[in-house]
Amino acid sequence: MIARVHSATVVGMQVLAVVVEVDIAKKGFPQLKIVGLPGKSVEEAKERVRTALVNANYDIPARRIIVNLAPADVPKQSSRFDVPIAVGILAAQRIVPRELLRDSLFIGEISLNGEVNAVNSVLPIIDFAQKHGYKRIFVPFNNCSEAAFVHGDIAIYGMQSLAEIIKFSQGIVQLSPVDTAQLEVRVRKTNQQ
């Protein structure tokens, strides 16, 4: 069964939706293949994701795994697809519940030890997610201060590691959304002094 994870990319001044589709075939030579006009940094995600999953004590199955970044005609040039690719592989194995994926958008780079690293263009992507009806967006923890500037109905979660994402999705740990009201109070107090 195909797992679908929502993400986004920035092309020029425009944010575009990207759906990361992951299929783990029952037959075929074991490999991880990324299609859909991936750039060099996205191609390199294969090794980052594979190593991060192993270091988080999750194995990539010894099967043919196809990752499609749709739409195929839009270039994908950023490591921000690492997290959605990893989450898609885990969802295809039913480790991450697919219910979490329906109204969520994921972005973030994964280090080899499974930590989630900050990425560029978080603010416009959060704005895009909010305007397109997503209920949740998962961003790198180190992007939370930037993410907190977006006000509205979207819940923004800061991720520190791949293991944290997995445990949150399974209900093992609780994550609180970024508190934009706290940031607003701090900004207001600073401006009033």
N, C-alpha and C. Protein backbone atom coordinates (compact mmCIF):
# COMPACT_ATOMS: atom_id res chain seq x y z
N MET A 1 0.84 -1.18 0.00
CA MET A 1 0.00 0.00 0.00
C MET A 1 0.88 1.25 0.00
N ILE A 2 0.47 2.24 -0.72
CA ILE A 2 1.24 3.47 -0.87
C ILE A 2 0.94 4.42 0.29
N ALA A 3 2.00 4.97 0.86
CA ALA A 3 1.85 6.01 1.89
C ALA A 3 2.06 7.36 1.24
N ARG A 4 1.26 8.35 1.63
CA ARG A 4 1.36 9.70 1.08
C ARG A 4 1.61 10.69 2.21
N VAL A 5 2.68 11.47 2.06
CA VAL A 5 3.05 12.48 3.05
C VAL A 5 3.07 13.83 2.35
N HIS A 6 2.44 14.82 2.95
CA HIS A 6 2.38 16.15 2.35
C HIS A 6 3.60 16.97 2.76
N SER A 7 4.14 17.69 1.77
CA SER A 7 5.26 18.59 2.00
C SER A 7 5.09 19.76 1.04
N ALA A 8 6.13 20.57 0.91
CA ALA A 8 6.07 21.72 0.01
C ALA A 8 7.48 22.11 -0.39
N THR A 9 7.56 22.82 -1.49
CA THR A 9 8.84 23.34 -1.96
C THR A 9 8.67 24.79 -2.36
N VAL A 10 9.78 25.50 -2.39
CA VAL A 10 9.77 26.89 -2.82
C VAL A 10 10.50 26.97 -4.15
N VAL A 11 9.79 27.49 -5.16
CA VAL A 11 10.38 27.69 -6.48
C VAL A 11 10.27 29.18 -6.77
N GLY A 12 11.40 29.86 -6.74
CA GLY A 12 11.39 31.32 -6.89
C GLY A 12 10.69 31.93 -5.69
N MET A 13 9.62 32.65 -5.94
CA MET A 13 8.84 33.28 -4.87
C MET A 13 7.56 32.51 -4.57
N GLN A 14 7.40 31.35 -5.17
CA GLN A 14 6.16 30.59 -5.07
C GLN A 14 6.36 29.32 -4.25
N VAL A 15 5.41 29.03 -3.37
CA VAL A 15 5.40 27.77 -2.61
C VAL A 15 4.45 26.81 -3.32
N LEU A 16 4.93 25.60 -3.57
CA LEU A 16 4.12 24.60 -4.27
C LEU A 16 3.99 23.35 -3.42
N ALA A 17 2.83 22.74 -3.46
CA ALA A 17 2.60 21.48 -2.74
C ALA A 17 3.40 20.36 -3.38
N VAL A 18 3.93 19.49 -2.54
CA VAL A 18 4.61 18.29 -2.99
C VAL A 18 4.05 17.13 -2.17
N VAL A 19 3.64 16.08 -2.86
CA VAL A 19 3.19 14.87 -2.18
C VAL A 19 4.29 13.83 -2.32
N VAL A 20 4.76 13.34 -1.19
CA VAL A 20 5.80 12.31 -1.17
C VAL A 20 5.08 10.97 -1.06
N GLU A 21 5.12 10.21 -2.15
CA GLU A 21 4.47 8.90 -2.19
C GLU A 21 5.54 7.83 -2.02
N VAL A 22 5.27 6.87 -1.14
CA VAL A 22 6.23 5.80 -0.89
C VAL A 22 5.54 4.46 -1.09
N ASP A 23 6.16 3.62 -1.91
CA ASP A 23 5.66 2.28 -2.13
C ASP A 23 6.78 1.29 -1.83
N ILE A 24 6.50 0.31 -1.00
CA ILE A 24 7.45 -0.76 -0.71
C ILE A 24 6.95 -2.00 -1.44
N ALA A 25 7.66 -2.38 -2.51
CA ALA A 25 7.24 -3.49 -3.36
C ALA A 25 7.47 -4.83 -2.66
N LYS A 26 6.63 -5.79 -2.99
CA LYS A 26 6.81 -7.13 -2.44
C LYS A 26 7.90 -7.89 -3.18
N LYS A 27 8.15 -7.48 -4.41
CA LYS A 27 9.17 -8.14 -5.23
C LYS A 27 10.10 -7.07 -5.80
N GLY A 28 11.25 -7.52 -6.22
CA GLY A 28 12.18 -6.61 -6.87
C GLY A 28 13.49 -6.51 -6.11
N PHE A 29 14.49 -6.03 -6.79
CA PHE A 29 15.83 -5.88 -6.23
C PHE A 29 15.80 -4.83 -5.12
N PRO A 30 16.36 -5.13 -3.94
CA PRO A 30 16.33 -4.16 -2.84
C PRO A 30 17.07 -2.86 -3.19
N GLN A 31 16.35 -1.78 -3.19
CA GLN A 31 16.94 -0.47 -3.44
C GLN A 31 15.96 0.61 -3.02
N LEU A 32 16.49 1.80 -2.82
CA LEU A 32 15.67 2.98 -2.53
C LEU A 32 15.85 3.93 -3.70
N LYS A 33 14.77 4.16 -4.43
CA LYS A 33 14.83 5.00 -5.63
C LYS A 33 13.92 6.20 -5.44
N ILE A 34 14.45 7.40 -5.73
CA ILE A 34 13.66 8.63 -5.64
C ILE A 34 13.44 9.15 -7.05
N VAL A 35 12.16 9.35 -7.40
CA VAL A 35 11.81 9.89 -8.72
C VAL A 35 10.95 11.14 -8.53
N GLY A 36 10.78 11.89 -9.60
CA GLY A 36 9.95 13.10 -9.53
C GLY A 36 10.78 14.37 -9.58
N LEU A 37 11.81 14.37 -10.39
CA LEU A 37 12.69 15.52 -10.61
C LEU A 37 13.43 15.95 -9.34
N PRO A 38 14.08 14.98 -8.66
CA PRO A 38 14.84 15.35 -7.47
C PRO A 38 16.17 16.00 -7.84
N GLY A 39 16.55 17.03 -7.08
CA GLY A 39 17.87 17.64 -7.24
C GLY A 39 18.91 16.81 -6.49
N LYS A 40 20.15 17.27 -6.53
CA LYS A 40 21.26 16.54 -5.90
C LYS A 40 21.02 16.33 -4.40
N SER A 41 20.58 17.37 -3.69
CA SER A 41 20.37 17.24 -2.24
C SER A 41 19.25 16.25 -1.93
N VAL A 42 18.26 16.15 -2.80
CA VAL A 42 17.17 15.18 -2.60
C VAL A 42 17.67 13.77 -2.90
N GLU A 43 18.49 13.62 -3.93
CA GLU A 43 19.09 12.32 -4.23
C GLU A 43 19.91 11.82 -3.06
N GLU A 44 20.63 12.75 -2.41
CA GLU A 44 21.46 12.39 -1.26
C GLU A 44 20.62 12.00 -0.05
N ALA A 45 19.35 12.33 -0.07
CA ALA A 45 18.45 11.96 1.03
C ALA A 45 18.40 10.46 1.24
N LYS A 46 18.61 9.69 0.18
CA LYS A 46 18.58 8.23 0.30
C LYS A 46 19.50 7.76 1.42
N GLU A 47 20.72 8.24 1.41
CA GLU A 47 21.69 7.80 2.41
C GLU A 47 21.42 8.41 3.78
N ARG A 48 21.02 9.69 3.81
CA ARG A 48 20.70 10.32 5.10
C ARG A 48 19.53 9.60 5.77
N VAL A 49 18.47 9.36 5.01
CA VAL A 49 17.27 8.73 5.56
C VAL A 49 17.56 7.29 5.98
N ARG A 50 18.23 6.55 5.13
CA ARG A 50 18.55 5.15 5.44
C ARG A 50 19.35 5.06 6.75
N THR A 51 20.40 5.87 6.86
CA THR A 51 21.25 5.84 8.04
C THR A 51 20.51 6.33 9.28
N ALA A 52 19.72 7.39 9.14
CA ALA A 52 18.95 7.92 10.28
C ALA A 52 17.94 6.90 10.79
N LEU A 53 17.28 6.19 9.89
CA LEU A 53 16.32 5.17 10.31
C LEU A 53 17.01 4.04 11.07
N VAL A 54 18.15 3.60 10.57
CA VAL A 54 18.91 2.55 11.26
C VAL A 54 19.35 3.04 12.63
N ASN A 55 19.83 4.28 12.72
CA ASN A 55 20.28 4.82 14.00
C ASN A 55 19.13 5.10 14.97
N ALA A 56 17.90 5.16 14.46
CA ALA A 56 16.72 5.30 15.32
C ALA A 56 16.11 3.92 15.62
N ASN A 57 16.86 2.87 15.27
CA ASN A 57 16.46 1.47 15.49
C ASN A 57 15.28 1.03 14.64
N TYR A 58 15.17 1.59 13.44
CA TYR A 58 14.18 1.15 12.47
C TYR A 58 14.92 0.81 11.19
N ASP A 59 14.65 -0.37 10.66
CA ASP A 59 15.33 -0.79 9.45
C ASP A 59 14.50 -0.47 8.22
N ILE A 60 15.20 -0.18 7.15
CA ILE A 60 14.54 -0.09 5.86
C ILE A 60 14.43 -1.53 5.35
N PRO A 61 13.25 -1.95 4.95
CA PRO A 61 13.11 -3.34 4.49
C PRO A 61 13.99 -3.61 3.27
N ALA A 62 14.47 -4.83 3.17
CA ALA A 62 15.31 -5.24 2.04
C ALA A 62 14.40 -5.54 0.84
N ARG A 63 13.73 -4.50 0.39
CA ARG A 63 12.83 -4.59 -0.77
C ARG A 63 13.03 -3.37 -1.64
N ARG A 64 12.36 -3.36 -2.75
CA ARG A 64 12.42 -2.20 -3.64
C ARG A 64 11.48 -1.13 -3.10
N ILE A 65 12.05 0.04 -2.79
CA ILE A 65 11.26 1.16 -2.28
C ILE A 65 11.32 2.28 -3.30
N ILE A 66 10.17 2.70 -3.76
CA ILE A 66 10.08 3.81 -4.70
C ILE A 66 9.49 5.00 -3.97
N VAL A 67 10.19 6.13 -4.04
CA VAL A 67 9.70 7.39 -3.48
C VAL A 67 9.42 8.31 -4.66
N ASN A 68 8.18 8.72 -4.80
CA ASN A 68 7.79 9.64 -5.87
C ASN A 68 7.48 11.00 -5.27
N LEU A 69 8.13 12.03 -5.80
CA LEU A 69 7.87 13.41 -5.37
C LEU A 69 6.99 14.05 -6.43
N ALA A 70 5.70 14.17 -6.13
CA ALA A 70 4.74 14.67 -7.11
C ALA A 70 4.36 16.11 -6.79
N PRO A 71 4.19 16.94 -7.80
CA PRO A 71 4.21 16.66 -9.22
C PRO A 71 5.63 16.50 -9.76
N ALA A 72 5.76 15.63 -10.75
CA ALA A 72 7.07 15.28 -11.29
C ALA A 72 7.72 16.41 -12.09
N ASP A 73 6.94 17.38 -12.54
CA ASP A 73 7.51 18.44 -13.38
C ASP A 73 8.05 19.63 -12.58
N VAL A 74 7.96 19.58 -11.26
CA VAL A 74 8.46 20.67 -10.41
C VAL A 74 9.80 20.23 -9.82
N PRO A 75 10.86 21.03 -10.00
CA PRO A 75 12.15 20.65 -9.43
C PRO A 75 12.13 20.68 -7.90
N LYS A 76 12.76 19.70 -7.29
CA LYS A 76 12.88 19.64 -5.82
C LYS A 76 14.36 19.73 -5.48
N GLN A 77 14.78 20.83 -4.85
CA GLN A 77 16.19 21.13 -4.68
C GLN A 77 16.65 21.19 -3.23
N SER A 78 15.88 20.77 -2.28
CA SER A 78 16.23 21.00 -0.88
C SER A 78 16.22 19.73 -0.06
N SER A 79 17.00 19.76 1.01
CA SER A 79 17.01 18.64 1.95
C SER A 79 15.77 18.64 2.84
N ARG A 80 14.86 19.59 2.66
CA ARG A 80 13.64 19.64 3.49
C ARG A 80 12.74 18.43 3.26
N PHE A 81 13.03 17.62 2.24
CA PHE A 81 12.22 16.43 1.97
C PHE A 81 12.68 15.20 2.74
N ASP A 82 13.78 15.29 3.49
CA ASP A 82 14.27 14.14 4.27
C ASP A 82 13.20 13.61 5.22
N VAL A 83 12.62 14.51 6.02
CA VAL A 83 11.62 14.08 7.01
C VAL A 83 10.40 13.46 6.33
N PRO A 84 9.81 14.11 5.30
CA PRO A 84 8.65 13.46 4.67
C PRO A 84 8.99 12.11 4.04
N ILE A 85 10.20 11.96 3.50
CA ILE A 85 10.59 10.66 2.93
C ILE A 85 10.67 9.62 4.04
N ALA A 86 11.33 9.94 5.14
CA ALA A 86 11.45 9.00 6.26
C ALA A 86 10.09 8.65 6.83
N VAL A 87 9.24 9.65 7.04
CA VAL A 87 7.89 9.41 7.57
C VAL A 87 7.10 8.55 6.60
N GLY A 88 7.25 8.77 5.30
CA GLY A 88 6.56 7.96 4.30
C GLY A 88 6.99 6.50 4.34
N ILE A 89 8.29 6.27 4.48
CA ILE A 89 8.79 4.89 4.58
C ILE A 89 8.22 4.22 5.83
N LEU A 90 8.20 4.95 6.93
CA LEU A 90 7.66 4.40 8.18
C LEU A 90 6.15 4.17 8.09
N ALA A 91 5.44 5.06 7.41
CA ALA A 91 3.99 4.90 7.24
C ALA A 91 3.68 3.72 6.32
N ALA A 92 4.50 3.52 5.29
CA ALA A 92 4.30 2.39 4.39
C ALA A 92 4.48 1.06 5.12
N GLN A 93 5.28 1.08 6.21
CA GLN A 93 5.48 -0.11 7.03
C GLN A 93 4.49 -0.17 8.20
N ARG A 94 3.61 0.82 8.29
CA ARG A 94 2.61 0.94 9.35
C ARG A 94 3.23 1.20 10.73
N ILE A 95 4.40 1.80 10.75
CA ILE A 95 5.05 2.20 12.00
C ILE A 95 4.50 3.56 12.43
N VAL A 96 4.35 4.46 11.47
CA VAL A 96 3.70 5.75 11.70
C VAL A 96 2.26 5.62 11.21
N PRO A 97 1.28 5.88 12.07
CA PRO A 97 -0.13 5.77 11.67
C PRO A 97 -0.47 6.76 10.55
N ARG A 98 -1.16 6.27 9.55
CA ARG A 98 -1.51 7.11 8.40
C ARG A 98 -2.51 8.21 8.74
N GLU A 99 -3.24 8.05 9.83
CA GLU A 99 -4.21 9.08 10.22
C GLU A 99 -3.50 10.42 10.47
N LEU A 100 -2.29 10.37 11.00
CA LEU A 100 -1.53 11.58 11.28
C LEU A 100 -1.19 12.33 9.99
N LEU A 101 -1.05 11.61 8.90
CA LEU A 101 -0.59 12.19 7.64
C LEU A 101 -1.66 12.99 6.91
N ARG A 102 -2.92 12.71 7.15
CA ARG A 102 -4.01 13.29 6.36
C ARG A 102 -4.02 14.81 6.33
N ASP A 103 -3.95 15.44 7.47
CA ASP A 103 -4.06 16.90 7.55
C ASP A 103 -2.75 17.55 7.99
N SER A 104 -1.64 16.85 7.77
CA SER A 104 -0.34 17.34 8.23
C SER A 104 0.60 17.58 7.06
N LEU A 105 1.52 18.52 7.28
CA LEU A 105 2.58 18.80 6.32
C LEU A 105 3.90 18.67 7.07
N PHE A 106 4.90 18.05 6.44
CA PHE A 106 6.19 17.79 7.06
C PHE A 106 7.31 18.42 6.25
N ILE A 107 8.27 19.06 6.94
CA ILE A 107 9.51 19.52 6.31
C ILE A 107 10.65 19.34 7.31
N GLY A 108 11.84 19.10 6.81
CA GLY A 108 13.00 19.02 7.69
C GLY A 108 14.09 18.15 7.10
N GLU A 109 15.32 18.50 7.42
CA GLU A 109 16.48 17.71 7.03
C GLU A 109 16.83 16.78 8.19
N ILE A 110 17.27 15.58 7.87
CA ILE A 110 17.65 14.61 8.90
C ILE A 110 19.16 14.42 8.87
N SER A 111 19.77 14.47 10.05
CA SER A 111 21.20 14.16 10.15
C SER A 111 21.35 12.64 10.26
N LEU A 112 22.56 12.17 10.15
CA LEU A 112 22.79 10.73 10.18
C LEU A 112 22.42 10.09 11.52
N ASN A 113 22.47 10.87 12.60
CA ASN A 113 22.11 10.32 13.90
C ASN A 113 20.61 10.43 14.19
N GLY A 114 19.84 10.92 13.23
CA GLY A 114 18.39 11.00 13.37
C GLY A 114 17.86 12.32 13.88
N GLU A 115 18.76 13.29 14.15
CA GLU A 115 18.29 14.61 14.56
C GLU A 115 17.71 15.34 13.36
N VAL A 116 16.74 16.21 13.63
CA VAL A 116 16.12 17.00 12.56
C VAL A 116 16.78 18.38 12.54
N ASN A 117 17.37 18.72 11.41
CA ASN A 117 18.08 20.00 11.26
C ASN A 117 17.18 21.06 10.64
N ALA A 118 17.48 22.32 10.97
CA ALA A 118 16.74 23.46 10.43
C ALA A 118 16.87 23.52 8.91
N VAL A 119 15.86 24.10 8.29
CA VAL A 119 15.85 24.30 6.84
C VAL A 119 15.44 25.73 6.53
N ASN A 120 15.62 26.14 5.29
CA ASN A 120 15.24 27.47 4.84
C ASN A 120 13.76 27.52 4.43
N SER A 121 13.23 28.73 4.35
CA SER A 121 11.90 29.00 3.80
C SER A 121 10.75 28.42 4.61
N VAL A 122 10.92 28.31 5.92
CA VAL A 122 9.88 27.74 6.77
C VAL A 122 8.65 28.65 6.82
N LEU A 123 8.87 29.94 6.95
CA LEU A 123 7.75 30.88 7.09
C LEU A 123 6.78 30.83 5.90
N PRO A 124 7.27 30.94 4.66
CA PRO A 124 6.31 30.85 3.55
C PRO A 124 5.64 29.49 3.43
N ILE A 125 6.33 28.43 3.83
CA ILE A 125 5.72 27.10 3.76
C ILE A 125 4.62 26.96 4.81
N ILE A 126 4.84 27.50 6.01
CA ILE A 126 3.78 27.46 7.03
C ILE A 126 2.58 28.27 6.57
N ASP A 127 2.83 29.44 6.01
CA ASP A 127 1.75 30.28 5.49
C ASP A 127 0.96 29.51 4.41
N PHE A 128 1.67 28.84 3.53
CA PHE A 128 1.05 28.02 2.49
C PHE A 128 0.18 26.92 3.12
N ALA A 129 0.74 26.22 4.10
CA ALA A 129 0.01 25.12 4.75
C ALA A 129 -1.28 25.62 5.39
N GLN A 130 -1.18 26.77 6.04
CA GLN A 130 -2.36 27.34 6.69
C GLN A 130 -3.42 27.73 5.66
N LYS A 131 -3.01 28.37 4.58
CA LYS A 131 -3.95 28.80 3.54
C LYS A 131 -4.60 27.62 2.82
N HIS A 132 -3.94 26.46 2.83
CA HIS A 132 -4.46 25.30 2.12
C HIS A 132 -5.13 24.28 3.05
N GLY A 133 -5.45 24.70 4.27
CA GLY A 133 -6.29 23.90 5.15
C GLY A 133 -5.62 22.80 5.95
N TYR A 134 -4.30 22.78 6.01
CA TYR A 134 -3.65 21.78 6.85
C TYR A 134 -3.90 22.12 8.31
N LYS A 135 -4.08 21.10 9.13
CA LYS A 135 -4.32 21.32 10.57
C LYS A 135 -3.02 21.36 11.36
N ARG A 136 -1.99 20.67 10.84
CA ARG A 136 -0.71 20.58 11.54
C ARG A 136 0.44 20.70 10.55
N ILE A 137 1.53 21.30 11.03
CA ILE A 137 2.77 21.28 10.26
C ILE A 137 3.89 20.92 11.22
N PHE A 138 4.74 20.03 10.78
CA PHE A 138 5.89 19.59 11.57
C PHE A 138 7.14 20.20 10.95
N VAL A 139 7.84 21.01 11.76
CA VAL A 139 9.03 21.73 11.30
C VAL A 139 10.19 21.37 12.23
N PRO A 140 11.43 21.61 11.80
CA PRO A 140 12.56 21.39 12.70
C PRO A 140 12.43 22.27 13.94
N PHE A 141 12.81 21.73 15.09
CA PHE A 141 12.72 22.46 16.35
C PHE A 141 13.47 23.79 16.26
N ASN A 142 14.60 23.79 15.58
CA ASN A 142 15.40 25.02 15.48
C ASN A 142 14.77 26.08 14.57
N ASN A 143 13.67 25.76 13.92
CA ASN A 143 12.92 26.73 13.13
C ASN A 143 11.70 27.25 13.88
N CYS A 144 11.49 26.82 15.12
CA CYS A 144 10.27 27.19 15.86
C CYS A 144 10.14 28.68 16.11
N SER A 145 11.24 29.37 16.37
CA SER A 145 11.12 30.81 16.62
C SER A 145 10.62 31.53 15.37
N GLU A 146 11.07 31.09 14.22
CA GLU A 146 10.59 31.64 12.95
C GLU A 146 9.14 31.22 12.72
N ALA A 147 8.83 29.97 13.01
CA ALA A 147 7.49 29.43 12.79
C ALA A 147 6.45 30.12 13.65
N ALA A 148 6.85 30.59 14.80
CA ALA A 148 5.90 31.19 15.75
C ALA A 148 5.32 32.51 15.26
N PHE A 149 5.88 33.10 14.22
CA PHE A 149 5.36 34.36 13.70
C PHE A 149 4.07 34.18 12.90
N VAL A 150 3.73 32.95 12.56
CA VAL A 150 2.51 32.69 11.81
C VAL A 150 1.36 32.53 12.81
N HIS A 151 0.33 33.31 12.63
CA HIS A 151 -0.85 33.22 13.50
C HIS A 151 -2.00 32.61 12.71
N GLY A 152 -2.79 31.85 13.40
CA GLY A 152 -3.94 31.25 12.74
C GLY A 152 -4.31 29.93 13.38
N ASP A 153 -4.99 29.11 12.61
CA ASP A 153 -5.56 27.87 13.12
C ASP A 153 -4.64 26.66 13.00
N ILE A 154 -3.49 26.81 12.40
CA ILE A 154 -2.61 25.66 12.19
C ILE A 154 -1.76 25.41 13.44
N ALA A 155 -1.64 24.14 13.82
CA ALA A 155 -0.78 23.76 14.95
C ALA A 155 0.62 23.49 14.39
N ILE A 156 1.61 24.16 14.96
CA ILE A 156 3.00 24.04 14.50
C ILE A 156 3.78 23.25 15.54
N TYR A 157 4.34 22.12 15.11
CA TYR A 157 5.11 21.27 16.02
C TYR A 157 6.59 21.32 15.65
N GLY A 158 7.44 21.50 16.65
CA GLY A 158 8.88 21.48 16.44
C GLY A 158 9.43 20.10 16.74
N MET A 159 10.13 19.53 15.75
CA MET A 159 10.68 18.18 15.88
C MET A 159 12.18 18.25 16.14
N GLN A 160 12.65 17.50 17.12
CA GLN A 160 14.08 17.44 17.38
C GLN A 160 14.74 16.22 16.75
N SER A 161 13.96 15.14 16.60
CA SER A 161 14.56 13.91 16.06
C SER A 161 13.50 13.06 15.37
N LEU A 162 14.00 12.15 14.56
CA LEU A 162 13.12 11.19 13.90
C LEU A 162 12.44 10.30 14.94
N ALA A 163 13.18 9.89 15.96
CA ALA A 163 12.60 9.06 17.03
C ALA A 163 11.44 9.78 17.71
N GLU A 164 11.58 11.09 17.91
CA GLU A 164 10.52 11.88 18.54
C GLU A 164 9.26 11.90 17.67
N ILE A 165 9.43 12.02 16.38
CA ILE A 165 8.29 12.01 15.45
C ILE A 165 7.56 10.67 15.55
N ILE A 166 8.33 9.59 15.55
CA ILE A 166 7.75 8.25 15.62
C ILE A 166 6.97 8.07 16.92
N LYS A 167 7.60 8.43 18.03
CA LYS A 167 6.95 8.26 19.34
C LYS A 167 5.71 9.14 19.47
N PHE A 168 5.76 10.35 18.92
CA PHE A 168 4.58 11.22 18.94
C PHE A 168 3.45 10.60 18.12
N SER A 169 3.78 10.10 16.94
CA SER A 169 2.75 9.53 16.06
C SER A 169 2.09 8.31 16.68
N GLN A 170 2.83 7.61 17.55
CA GLN A 170 2.30 6.41 18.19
C GLN A 170 1.66 6.71 19.55
N GLY A 171 1.67 7.99 19.95
CA GLY A 171 1.07 8.37 21.22
C GLY A 171 1.94 8.07 22.44
N ILE A 172 3.21 7.77 22.23
CA ILE A 172 4.12 7.45 23.33
C ILE A 172 4.59 8.72 24.03
N VAL A 173 4.82 9.78 23.27
CA VAL A 173 5.20 11.07 23.86
C VAL A 173 4.23 12.14 23.38
N GLN A 174 4.10 13.19 24.16
CA GLN A 174 3.25 14.32 23.80
C GLN A 174 4.13 15.48 23.35
N LEU A 175 3.74 16.13 22.29
CA LEU A 175 4.39 17.35 21.85
C LEU A 175 3.35 18.46 21.90
N SER A 176 3.77 19.61 22.35
CA SER A 176 2.88 20.76 22.36
C SER A 176 3.17 21.63 21.15
N PRO A 177 2.14 22.17 20.52
CA PRO A 177 2.39 23.08 19.40
C PRO A 177 3.13 24.33 19.89
N VAL A 178 3.80 24.98 18.97
CA VAL A 178 4.49 26.24 19.26
C VAL A 178 3.46 27.23 19.76
N ASP A 179 3.75 27.92 20.84
CA ASP A 179 2.83 28.88 21.45
C ASP A 179 3.08 30.26 20.84
N THR A 180 2.31 30.59 19.82
CA THR A 180 2.49 31.89 19.14
C THR A 180 2.07 33.04 20.04
N ALA A 181 1.17 32.81 20.97
CA ALA A 181 0.74 33.88 21.89
C ALA A 181 1.89 34.31 22.79
N GLN A 182 2.71 33.37 23.24
CA GLN A 182 3.85 33.71 24.08
C GLN A 182 4.83 34.59 23.32
N LEU A 183 5.07 34.27 22.06
CA LEU A 183 5.97 35.08 21.25
C LEU A 183 5.41 36.48 21.08
N GLU A 184 4.11 36.57 20.83
CA GLU A 184 3.47 37.87 20.64
C GLU A 184 3.60 38.73 21.90
N VAL A 185 3.43 38.13 23.07
CA VAL A 185 3.57 38.86 24.34
C VAL A 185 4.99 39.36 24.50
N ARG A 186 5.99 38.53 24.20
CA ARG A 186 7.38 38.94 24.32
C ARG A 186 7.70 40.08 23.37
N VAL A 187 7.20 40.02 22.15
CA VAL A 187 7.45 41.08 21.18
C VAL A 187 6.79 42.37 21.64
N ARG A 188 5.57 42.28 22.12
CA ARG A 188 4.84 43.45 22.58
C ARG A 188 5.57 44.11 23.77
N LYS A 189 6.03 43.32 24.73
CA LYS A 189 6.74 43.85 25.89
C LYS A 189 8.03 44.53 25.46
N THR A 190 8.74 43.95 24.53
CA THR A 190 9.99 44.54 24.06
C THR A 190 9.72 45.86 23.36
N ASN A 191 8.68 45.93 22.57
CA ASN A 191 8.37 47.16 21.84
C ASN A 191 7.85 48.26 22.76
N GLN A 192 7.26 47.92 23.89
CA GLN A 192 6.71 48.92 24.80
C GLN A 192 7.77 49.54 25.69
N GLN A 193 8.91 48.91 25.84
CA GLN A 193 9.95 49.42 26.75
C GLN A 193 10.69 50.58 26.16
